[in-house]
């Protein structure tokens, strides 16, 4: 009776206490799980209701050994998540993702009656911007596109996704976290792709970092250096940036499109100039900028070698990095080695649309490129390298694991639509 009363009190608090005033949220999904006494008891029928502030996403509610999504209304910021996985009556196999399919934990196995507790950090954001001063130019919100409307990475709640052959969630705690933030600015090859079968390296990176750093992926399909500014996306991440943070910058796929005159940037002039703007704005806020060259498209010649489809853009990035003394992660060079190691026969299995897409990746390809980025961090002088998980071994792009050796549980959200732009 006491437990039920506490749960009812907890629900009342969630409904009435302003989100900005809360520092911690606790939920219990299994009576057998260890959780704080004040944890709110959640049943399979508790669907998300904004007035209640928590619940399972109605389109992805719990069912026997099926993926499900659970959301909690929170203000934007970084949150330390503690999940207790397992079940008193059955074995479990659980992969955890956050927001729009950011990989947090992969393949956590739990025997019947056994529980595993894990921690990770999730960044939550909305579109709102601090209002500009009176009579000053600016905007009140990021200019998101139609593709982004209604997606979990731009709403007013934190969403966790539980996948795998037998996902089991027993308890959940969410608390605010003051940790360094790694901001990502880029295009569709970096963004959090919201549905299977597409994926990008930015949404895989989280799984390789320790639970004391956040990844805030602001990249979006079709973006260029110029449109990232005019769409107020740079304003958004700069509004939250603080000393000790990082800004990873990867553009080029779309900047090179002369058929997009409003966003085209010349590799000899405007493109490096815009790169310097991003660098200067990050440094002005005490953050560390990092330049990332774009990965190659899958363009093999008759000899099985990758050809350059990016023209002078990678060299422009390298030149700016050297002149500005900015850390460079050369994903162009690493992806060439990676794709050639896989070869023309296997490499398509790393790409979206069953290999018909030569630019965008699936889970396997995104995982491989994230491993390349991690190796770039490891080889750098960045303090961020101390945040690579201890069990993440070395990765050699010349000797990648084959597709069947990389298992990433699929999300229930699926789409047959190729991402807009690159």
Protein backbone atom coordinates (compact mmCIF):
# COMPACT_ATOMS: atom_id res chain seq x y z
CA UNK A 1 0.00 0.00 0.00
CA UNK A 2 2.81 2.37 0.92
CA UNK A 3 4.56 1.73 -2.41
CA UNK A 4 1.36 2.41 -4.35
CA UNK A 5 0.81 5.63 -2.40
CA UNK A 6 4.35 6.80 -3.11
CA UNK A 7 3.87 6.03 -6.80
CA UNK A 8 0.67 8.08 -6.85
CA UNK A 9 2.44 10.95 -5.10
CA UNK A 10 5.25 10.69 -7.65
CA UNK A 11 2.81 10.93 -10.55
CA UNK A 12 1.26 13.99 -8.95
CA UNK A 13 4.66 15.62 -8.56
CA UNK A 14 5.52 14.96 -12.18
CA UNK A 15 2.27 16.57 -13.24
CA UNK A 16 2.48 19.68 -11.05
CA UNK A 17 6.15 20.50 -10.50
CA UNK A 18 7.58 22.71 -13.27
CA UNK A 19 10.10 20.78 -15.37
CA UNK A 20 12.69 23.54 -14.85
CA UNK A 21 12.53 22.94 -11.09
CA UNK A 22 13.24 19.23 -11.23
CA UNK A 23 16.71 17.74 -11.00
CA UNK A 24 15.85 14.02 -11.05
CA UNK A 25 13.20 11.62 -12.33
CA UNK A 26 12.89 7.98 -11.13
CA UNK A 27 10.76 5.17 -12.56
CA UNK A 28 10.22 1.52 -11.68
CA UNK A 29 9.05 -0.92 -14.36
CA UNK A 30 9.55 -4.15 -12.40
CA UNK A 31 8.76 -4.84 -8.73
CA UNK A 32 11.94 -6.90 -8.55
CA UNK A 33 14.22 -4.03 -9.58
CA UNK A 34 16.14 -1.91 -7.12
CA UNK A 35 14.93 1.69 -7.37
CA UNK A 36 14.48 4.65 -5.02
CA UNK A 37 11.44 4.37 -2.79
CA UNK A 38 9.91 7.42 -4.43
CA UNK A 39 10.23 5.97 -7.94
CA UNK A 40 7.05 6.16 -10.00
CA UNK A 41 5.64 2.72 -10.82
CA UNK A 42 5.03 2.39 -14.57
CA UNK A 43 2.83 -0.21 -16.24
CA UNK A 44 2.64 -1.20 -19.90
CA UNK A 45 -0.55 0.82 -20.23
CA UNK A 46 1.06 4.12 -19.25
CA UNK A 47 1.20 5.92 -22.59
CA UNK A 48 2.86 9.30 -22.99
CA UNK A 49 0.66 12.21 -22.01
CA UNK A 50 2.11 15.75 -21.96
CA UNK A 51 0.01 16.62 -18.92
CA UNK A 52 1.42 13.62 -17.07
CA UNK A 53 4.94 14.18 -18.37
CA UNK A 54 6.00 10.58 -19.01
CA UNK A 55 4.96 7.36 -20.66
CA UNK A 56 5.50 4.94 -23.52
CA UNK A 57 5.24 6.38 -27.02
CA UNK A 58 1.81 5.21 -28.27
CA UNK A 59 3.11 4.01 -31.64
CA UNK A 60 5.89 2.03 -29.94
CA UNK A 61 4.35 0.65 -26.76
CA UNK A 62 5.68 -2.45 -25.00
CA UNK A 63 4.85 -5.88 -26.40
CA UNK A 64 6.42 -9.30 -25.89
CA UNK A 65 10.08 -9.12 -26.95
CA UNK A 66 9.39 -6.11 -29.19
CA UNK A 67 11.18 -2.73 -29.23
CA UNK A 68 9.52 0.11 -27.32
CA UNK A 69 10.07 3.82 -26.60
CA UNK A 70 9.66 5.65 -23.30
CA UNK A 71 9.59 9.45 -23.01
CA UNK A 72 9.87 11.94 -20.15
CA UNK A 73 9.17 15.66 -20.48
CA UNK A 74 12.34 17.58 -19.57
CA UNK A 75 13.86 20.97 -20.43
CA UNK A 76 16.81 21.03 -22.82
CA UNK A 77 20.21 20.17 -21.42
CA UNK A 78 22.42 17.19 -20.62
CA UNK A 79 21.13 14.28 -18.56
CA UNK A 80 22.80 11.33 -16.88
CA UNK A 81 20.69 8.24 -17.50
CA UNK A 82 20.82 5.16 -15.28
CA UNK A 83 19.04 2.11 -16.66
CA UNK A 84 18.54 -1.18 -14.88
CA UNK A 85 18.04 -3.85 -17.51
CA UNK A 86 16.75 -7.36 -16.93
CA UNK A 87 13.71 -9.36 -15.85
CA UNK A 88 12.90 -11.63 -12.93
CA UNK A 89 11.21 -14.18 -15.16
CA UNK A 90 13.07 -14.15 -18.46
CA UNK A 91 16.43 -13.59 -20.12
CA UNK A 92 16.98 -10.30 -21.87
CA UNK A 93 18.88 -8.85 -24.81
CA UNK A 94 18.68 -5.06 -24.83
CA UNK A 95 20.12 -2.30 -26.99
CA UNK A 96 19.43 1.27 -25.85
CA UNK A 97 19.21 4.32 -28.11
CA UNK A 98 18.20 7.88 -27.32
CA UNK A 99 16.23 10.63 -29.04
CA UNK A 100 16.49 9.83 -32.77
CA UNK A 101 18.35 6.51 -32.64
CA UNK A 102 21.59 7.64 -30.99
CA UNK A 103 23.29 4.42 -29.96
CA UNK A 104 23.99 4.32 -26.22
CA UNK A 105 24.30 0.65 -25.23
CA UNK A 106 24.54 -2.38 -27.51
CA UNK A 107 23.55 -5.97 -26.80
CA UNK A 108 23.32 -5.99 -23.01
CA UNK A 109 22.59 -9.62 -22.14
CA UNK A 110 20.83 -10.46 -18.86
CA UNK A 111 20.10 -13.95 -17.60
CA UNK A 112 16.72 -14.78 -16.08
CA UNK A 113 16.47 -13.13 -12.67
CA UNK A 114 19.60 -11.06 -13.21
CA UNK A 115 19.85 -7.29 -13.65
CA UNK A 116 22.50 -5.00 -15.15
CA UNK A 117 22.81 -1.29 -14.33
CA UNK A 118 24.41 0.99 -16.91
CA UNK A 119 24.96 4.76 -17.25
CA UNK A 120 25.17 7.14 -20.20
CA UNK A 121 24.63 10.81 -21.07
CA UNK A 122 21.90 12.16 -23.36
CA UNK A 123 21.67 15.67 -24.75
CA UNK A 124 18.13 17.04 -25.14
CA UNK A 125 17.29 20.16 -27.13
CA UNK A 126 14.38 22.12 -28.58
CA UNK A 127 14.18 24.70 -31.34
CA UNK A 128 13.90 27.77 -29.09
CA UNK A 129 16.57 30.48 -29.21
CA UNK A 130 17.22 33.21 -26.66
CA UNK A 131 15.27 36.22 -27.96
CA UNK A 132 17.42 38.87 -29.65
CA UNK A 133 17.59 42.34 -28.07
CA UNK A 134 14.89 44.84 -29.13
CA UNK A 135 15.32 46.04 -32.70
CA UNK A 136 18.21 43.62 -33.26
CA UNK A 137 18.17 41.08 -36.12
CA UNK A 138 17.85 37.43 -35.23
CA UNK A 139 15.21 34.83 -34.62
CA UNK A 140 13.34 33.03 -31.88
CA UNK A 141 13.72 29.46 -33.18
CA UNK A 142 15.81 27.24 -35.40
CA UNK A 143 14.38 27.05 -38.92
CA UNK A 144 13.91 23.30 -39.09
CA UNK A 145 12.67 21.69 -42.28
CA UNK A 146 9.60 19.54 -42.91
CA UNK A 147 11.64 16.36 -42.47
CA UNK A 148 12.46 17.35 -38.90
CA UNK A 149 8.93 18.22 -37.80
CA UNK A 150 7.71 15.94 -35.03
CA UNK A 151 11.02 14.13 -34.63
CA UNK A 152 12.28 13.11 -31.20
CA UNK A 153 15.47 15.20 -31.43
CA UNK A 154 13.60 18.53 -31.65
CA UNK A 155 10.75 18.06 -29.16
CA UNK A 156 10.26 18.91 -25.48
CA UNK A 157 11.02 15.49 -24.05
CA UNK A 158 13.76 12.92 -23.59
CA UNK A 159 13.02 9.71 -25.46
CA UNK A 160 14.73 6.37 -24.85
CA UNK A 161 14.43 3.44 -27.24
CA UNK A 162 14.82 -0.17 -26.12
CA UNK A 163 15.63 -2.62 -28.93
CA UNK A 164 17.04 -6.10 -29.28
CA UNK A 165 15.65 -9.62 -29.43
CA UNK A 166 14.25 -9.37 -25.89
CA UNK A 167 14.44 -5.79 -24.51
CA UNK A 168 13.97 -5.67 -20.74
CA UNK A 169 13.74 -2.43 -18.73
CA UNK A 170 13.38 -2.72 -14.97
CA UNK A 171 14.18 0.77 -13.65
CA UNK A 172 15.18 4.18 -14.95
CA UNK A 173 16.66 7.31 -13.38
CA UNK A 174 17.22 10.64 -15.13
CA UNK A 175 19.18 13.48 -13.58
CA UNK A 176 20.69 16.70 -14.83
CA UNK A 177 24.38 16.47 -15.68
CA UNK A 178 27.00 19.22 -15.91
CA UNK A 179 29.46 17.63 -18.35
CA UNK A 180 31.48 18.72 -21.40
CA UNK A 181 29.44 18.70 -24.60
CA UNK A 182 30.65 17.59 -28.01
CA UNK A 183 28.63 19.52 -30.61
CA UNK A 184 28.39 18.15 -34.15
CA UNK A 185 27.75 20.46 -37.12
CA UNK A 186 27.35 18.81 -40.50
CA UNK A 187 25.13 17.25 -43.14
CA UNK A 188 23.22 13.97 -43.61
CA UNK A 189 26.37 11.88 -43.26
CA UNK A 190 26.65 13.14 -39.68
CA UNK A 191 23.03 13.71 -38.58
CA UNK A 192 20.81 11.56 -36.38
CA UNK A 193 18.92 9.72 -39.11
CA UNK A 194 15.44 9.24 -37.60
CA UNK A 195 14.52 5.92 -39.24
CA UNK A 196 15.94 2.66 -40.53
CA UNK A 197 17.71 1.74 -42.73
CA UNK A 198 19.74 4.97 -42.80
CA UNK A 199 22.32 5.90 -40.20
CA UNK A 200 25.23 8.33 -39.77
CA UNK A 201 28.41 8.32 -37.76
CA UNK A 202 27.21 11.10 -35.44
CA UNK A 203 24.51 8.90 -33.92
CA UNK A 204 26.94 6.02 -33.37
CA UNK A 205 29.67 8.08 -31.69
CA UNK A 206 27.86 8.16 -28.34
CA UNK A 207 28.38 4.41 -27.79
CA UNK A 208 32.17 4.79 -27.71
CA UNK A 209 32.43 7.63 -25.17
CA UNK A 210 32.40 7.50 -21.38
CA UNK A 211 29.30 8.57 -19.43
CA UNK A 212 30.84 11.92 -18.51
CA UNK A 213 30.59 13.66 -21.87
CA UNK A 214 27.53 14.50 -23.98
CA UNK A 215 27.12 14.44 -27.76
CA UNK A 216 24.80 17.11 -29.15
CA UNK A 217 24.25 16.28 -32.81
CA UNK A 218 22.98 19.37 -34.64
CA UNK A 219 23.83 18.09 -38.12
CA UNK A 220 21.01 17.82 -40.65
CA UNK A 221 20.45 16.50 -44.17
CA UNK A 222 21.11 18.96 -46.97
CA UNK A 223 23.02 21.43 -44.82
CA UNK A 224 26.02 23.50 -45.86
CA UNK A 225 28.25 25.87 -43.92
CA UNK A 226 26.19 28.79 -45.20
CA UNK A 227 22.71 27.29 -44.59
CA UNK A 228 23.78 26.16 -41.12
CA UNK A 229 24.20 29.86 -40.34
CA UNK A 230 21.15 31.23 -42.15
CA UNK A 231 18.93 28.54 -40.63
CA UNK A 232 20.08 29.67 -37.15
CA UNK A 233 21.49 26.21 -36.38
CA UNK A 234 24.89 27.68 -35.55
CA UNK A 235 23.15 30.24 -33.32
CA UNK A 236 21.41 27.41 -31.50
CA UNK A 237 24.47 25.41 -30.57
CA UNK A 238 26.46 28.55 -29.78
CA UNK A 239 23.69 29.63 -27.39
CA UNK A 240 24.43 26.56 -25.25
CA UNK A 241 28.19 26.29 -25.77
CA UNK A 242 30.50 26.82 -22.79
CA UNK A 243 34.23 26.61 -22.02
CA UNK A 244 35.50 23.04 -22.21
CA UNK A 245 33.07 22.01 -24.95
CA UNK A 246 33.97 20.83 -28.46
CA UNK A 247 32.65 21.64 -31.93
CA UNK A 248 33.22 19.05 -34.68
CA UNK A 249 32.66 20.56 -38.14
CA UNK A 250 32.11 18.37 -41.23
CA UNK A 251 30.70 19.97 -44.38
CA UNK A 252 31.44 19.60 -48.07
CA UNK A 253 29.00 17.16 -49.65
CA UNK A 254 26.50 19.93 -50.34
CA UNK A 255 28.71 23.04 -50.28
CA UNK A 256 30.18 21.89 -53.59
CA UNK A 257 26.85 21.86 -55.44
CA UNK A 258 26.92 24.79 -57.85
CA UNK A 259 23.32 23.95 -58.69
CA UNK A 260 22.44 25.18 -55.19
CA UNK A 261 23.50 28.84 -55.70
CA UNK A 262 22.10 30.07 -52.38
CA UNK A 263 24.36 27.72 -50.42
CA UNK A 264 27.29 26.99 -52.76
CA UNK A 265 30.71 27.87 -51.34
CA UNK A 266 33.84 28.02 -53.49
CA UNK A 267 36.65 25.79 -52.13
CA UNK A 268 39.28 28.46 -52.73
CA UNK A 269 37.47 31.43 -51.17
CA UNK A 270 34.10 31.31 -49.40
CA UNK A 271 34.30 27.71 -48.16
CA UNK A 272 37.47 28.26 -46.08
CA UNK A 273 36.13 31.64 -44.98
CA UNK A 274 33.01 30.02 -43.55
CA UNK A 275 35.11 27.34 -41.84
CA UNK A 276 37.02 30.13 -40.10
CA UNK A 277 33.75 31.66 -38.88
CA UNK A 278 32.79 28.40 -37.16
CA UNK A 279 36.27 28.09 -35.66
CA UNK A 280 36.30 31.66 -34.37
CA UNK A 281 32.82 31.43 -32.85
CA UNK A 282 33.72 28.24 -30.97
CA UNK A 283 36.97 29.69 -29.65
CA UNK A 284 35.20 32.87 -28.60
CA UNK A 285 33.17 30.74 -26.18
CA UNK A 286 36.13 28.77 -24.84
CA UNK A 287 35.28 25.65 -26.84
CA UNK A 288 37.66 23.60 -28.98
CA UNK A 289 36.92 23.41 -32.72
CA UNK A 290 37.81 20.27 -34.67
CA UNK A 291 37.66 19.99 -38.47
CA UNK A 292 36.55 16.73 -40.09
CA UNK A 293 36.95 16.11 -43.81
CA UNK A 294 33.97 14.49 -45.55
CA UNK A 295 34.09 10.76 -46.15
CA UNK A 296 34.32 9.68 -49.78
CA UNK A 297 31.34 8.61 -51.79
CA UNK A 298 31.49 4.98 -52.88
CA UNK A 299 33.01 5.63 -56.31
CA UNK A 300 35.29 2.76 -57.35
CA UNK A 301 37.30 2.83 -60.56
CA UNK A 302 38.08 -0.24 -62.70
CA UNK A 303 41.06 -1.07 -60.47
CA UNK A 304 39.02 -1.13 -57.26
CA UNK A 305 40.33 2.24 -56.07
CA UNK A 306 38.12 5.04 -54.69
CA UNK A 307 38.07 8.13 -56.88
CA UNK A 308 37.85 11.66 -55.49
CA UNK A 309 34.29 13.01 -55.80
CA UNK A 310 34.94 15.99 -53.50
CA UNK A 311 37.36 17.96 -55.65
CA UNK A 312 39.37 20.56 -53.73
CA UNK A 313 37.21 20.61 -50.61
CA UNK A 314 39.16 18.10 -48.46
CA UNK A 315 42.40 19.95 -49.20
CA UNK A 316 40.71 23.22 -48.25
CA UNK A 317 39.79 21.74 -44.86
CA UNK A 318 43.34 20.47 -44.35
CA UNK A 319 44.77 23.86 -45.25
CA UNK A 320 42.49 25.74 -42.84
CA UNK A 321 43.26 23.25 -40.06
CA UNK A 322 46.98 23.83 -40.51
CA UNK A 323 46.69 27.61 -40.75
CA UNK A 324 44.34 27.91 -37.77
CA UNK A 325 46.16 25.22 -35.76
CA UNK A 326 42.96 23.22 -35.40
CA UNK A 327 42.83 19.46 -34.85
CA UNK A 328 42.00 17.63 -38.08
CA UNK A 329 40.26 14.27 -38.38
CA UNK A 330 40.83 13.20 -41.98
CA UNK A 331 37.77 11.09 -42.66
CA UNK A 332 38.36 11.50 -46.39
CA UNK A 333 41.66 9.63 -46.15
CA UNK A 334 40.39 7.02 -43.69
CA UNK A 335 37.22 6.28 -45.68
CA UNK A 336 39.29 5.65 -48.83
CA UNK A 337 41.34 3.03 -46.98
CA UNK A 338 38.16 1.60 -45.41
CA UNK A 339 36.13 1.28 -48.63
CA UNK A 340 39.04 -0.16 -50.57
CA UNK A 341 39.65 -2.71 -47.82
CA UNK A 342 36.02 -3.83 -48.11
CA UNK A 343 36.25 -3.79 -51.89
CA UNK A 344 33.59 -3.18 -54.55
CA UNK A 345 31.73 -6.36 -53.64
CA UNK A 346 31.39 -5.85 -49.86
CA UNK A 347 31.42 -2.05 -49.55
CA UNK A 348 27.78 -1.66 -50.76
CA UNK A 349 26.69 -3.54 -47.63
CA UNK A 350 27.78 -0.48 -45.61
CA UNK A 351 25.42 1.84 -47.49
CA UNK A 352 21.73 2.68 -47.37
CA UNK A 353 19.05 1.43 -49.79
CA UNK A 354 20.72 -2.00 -49.96
CA UNK A 355 23.81 -0.41 -51.46
CA UNK A 356 21.99 1.55 -54.16
CA UNK A 357 22.90 4.74 -52.28
CA UNK A 358 26.60 5.53 -52.72
CA UNK A 359 26.70 8.39 -50.20
CA UNK A 360 24.56 7.57 -47.14
CA UNK A 361 25.18 4.68 -44.79
CA UNK A 362 23.30 2.01 -42.87
CA UNK A 363 24.01 1.00 -39.27
CA UNK A 364 27.08 -1.03 -40.24
CA UNK A 365 28.61 1.72 -42.36
CA UNK A 366 27.84 4.43 -39.79
CA UNK A 367 29.44 2.27 -37.08
CA UNK A 368 32.60 1.85 -39.18
CA UNK A 369 32.91 5.59 -39.80
CA UNK A 370 32.30 6.35 -36.11
CA UNK A 371 35.18 4.00 -35.32
CA UNK A 372 37.32 6.01 -37.75
CA UNK A 373 36.35 9.24 -35.97
CA UNK A 374 37.18 7.67 -32.60
CA UNK A 375 40.62 6.71 -33.91
CA UNK A 376 41.07 10.29 -35.08
CA UNK A 377 40.26 11.48 -31.57
CA UNK A 378 42.60 8.89 -30.06
CA UNK A 379 45.49 9.99 -32.29
CA UNK A 380 44.98 13.68 -31.46
CA UNK A 381 46.17 15.83 -28.58
CA UNK A 382 42.57 16.55 -27.56
CA UNK A 383 41.66 15.94 -23.89
CA UNK A 384 38.55 14.34 -25.38
CA UNK A 385 40.59 11.20 -26.05
CA UNK A 386 40.46 10.48 -22.31
CA UNK A 387 36.69 10.07 -22.74
CA UNK A 388 36.97 7.07 -25.06
CA UNK A 389 35.65 4.02 -23.23
CA UNK A 390 38.34 1.70 -21.92
CA UNK A 391 36.92 -1.35 -23.68
CA UNK A 392 36.99 0.33 -27.12
CA UNK A 393 39.95 -1.31 -28.82
CA UNK A 394 42.02 0.02 -31.67
CA UNK A 395 40.45 0.20 -35.11
CA UNK A 396 42.36 -0.12 -38.37
CA UNK A 397 40.41 1.08 -41.43
CA UNK A 398 42.58 -1.22 -43.54
CA UNK A 399 41.22 -4.25 -41.67
CA UNK A 400 37.55 -3.57 -40.87
CA UNK A 401 35.21 -6.22 -39.50
CA UNK A 402 32.84 -7.66 -42.08
CA UNK A 403 29.11 -6.84 -41.94
CA UNK A 404 28.07 -10.07 -40.21
CA UNK A 405 30.51 -9.33 -37.37
CA UNK A 406 28.83 -6.03 -36.42
CA UNK A 407 25.43 -6.48 -34.83
CA UNK A 408 23.32 -3.40 -34.13
CA UNK A 409 19.70 -4.04 -33.20
CA UNK A 410 17.34 -2.26 -35.55
CA UNK A 411 14.92 0.44 -34.44
CA UNK A 412 11.16 0.07 -34.99
CA UNK A 413 11.10 3.35 -36.97
CA UNK A 414 11.56 2.59 -40.66
CA UNK A 415 11.49 4.60 -43.85
CA UNK A 416 12.02 3.75 -47.51
CA UNK A 417 12.66 7.40 -48.35
CA UNK A 418 16.23 8.39 -49.23
CA UNK A 419 17.43 11.31 -47.05
CA UNK A 420 17.02 14.71 -48.67
CA UNK A 421 20.28 16.10 -50.01
CA UNK A 422 23.58 14.81 -48.70
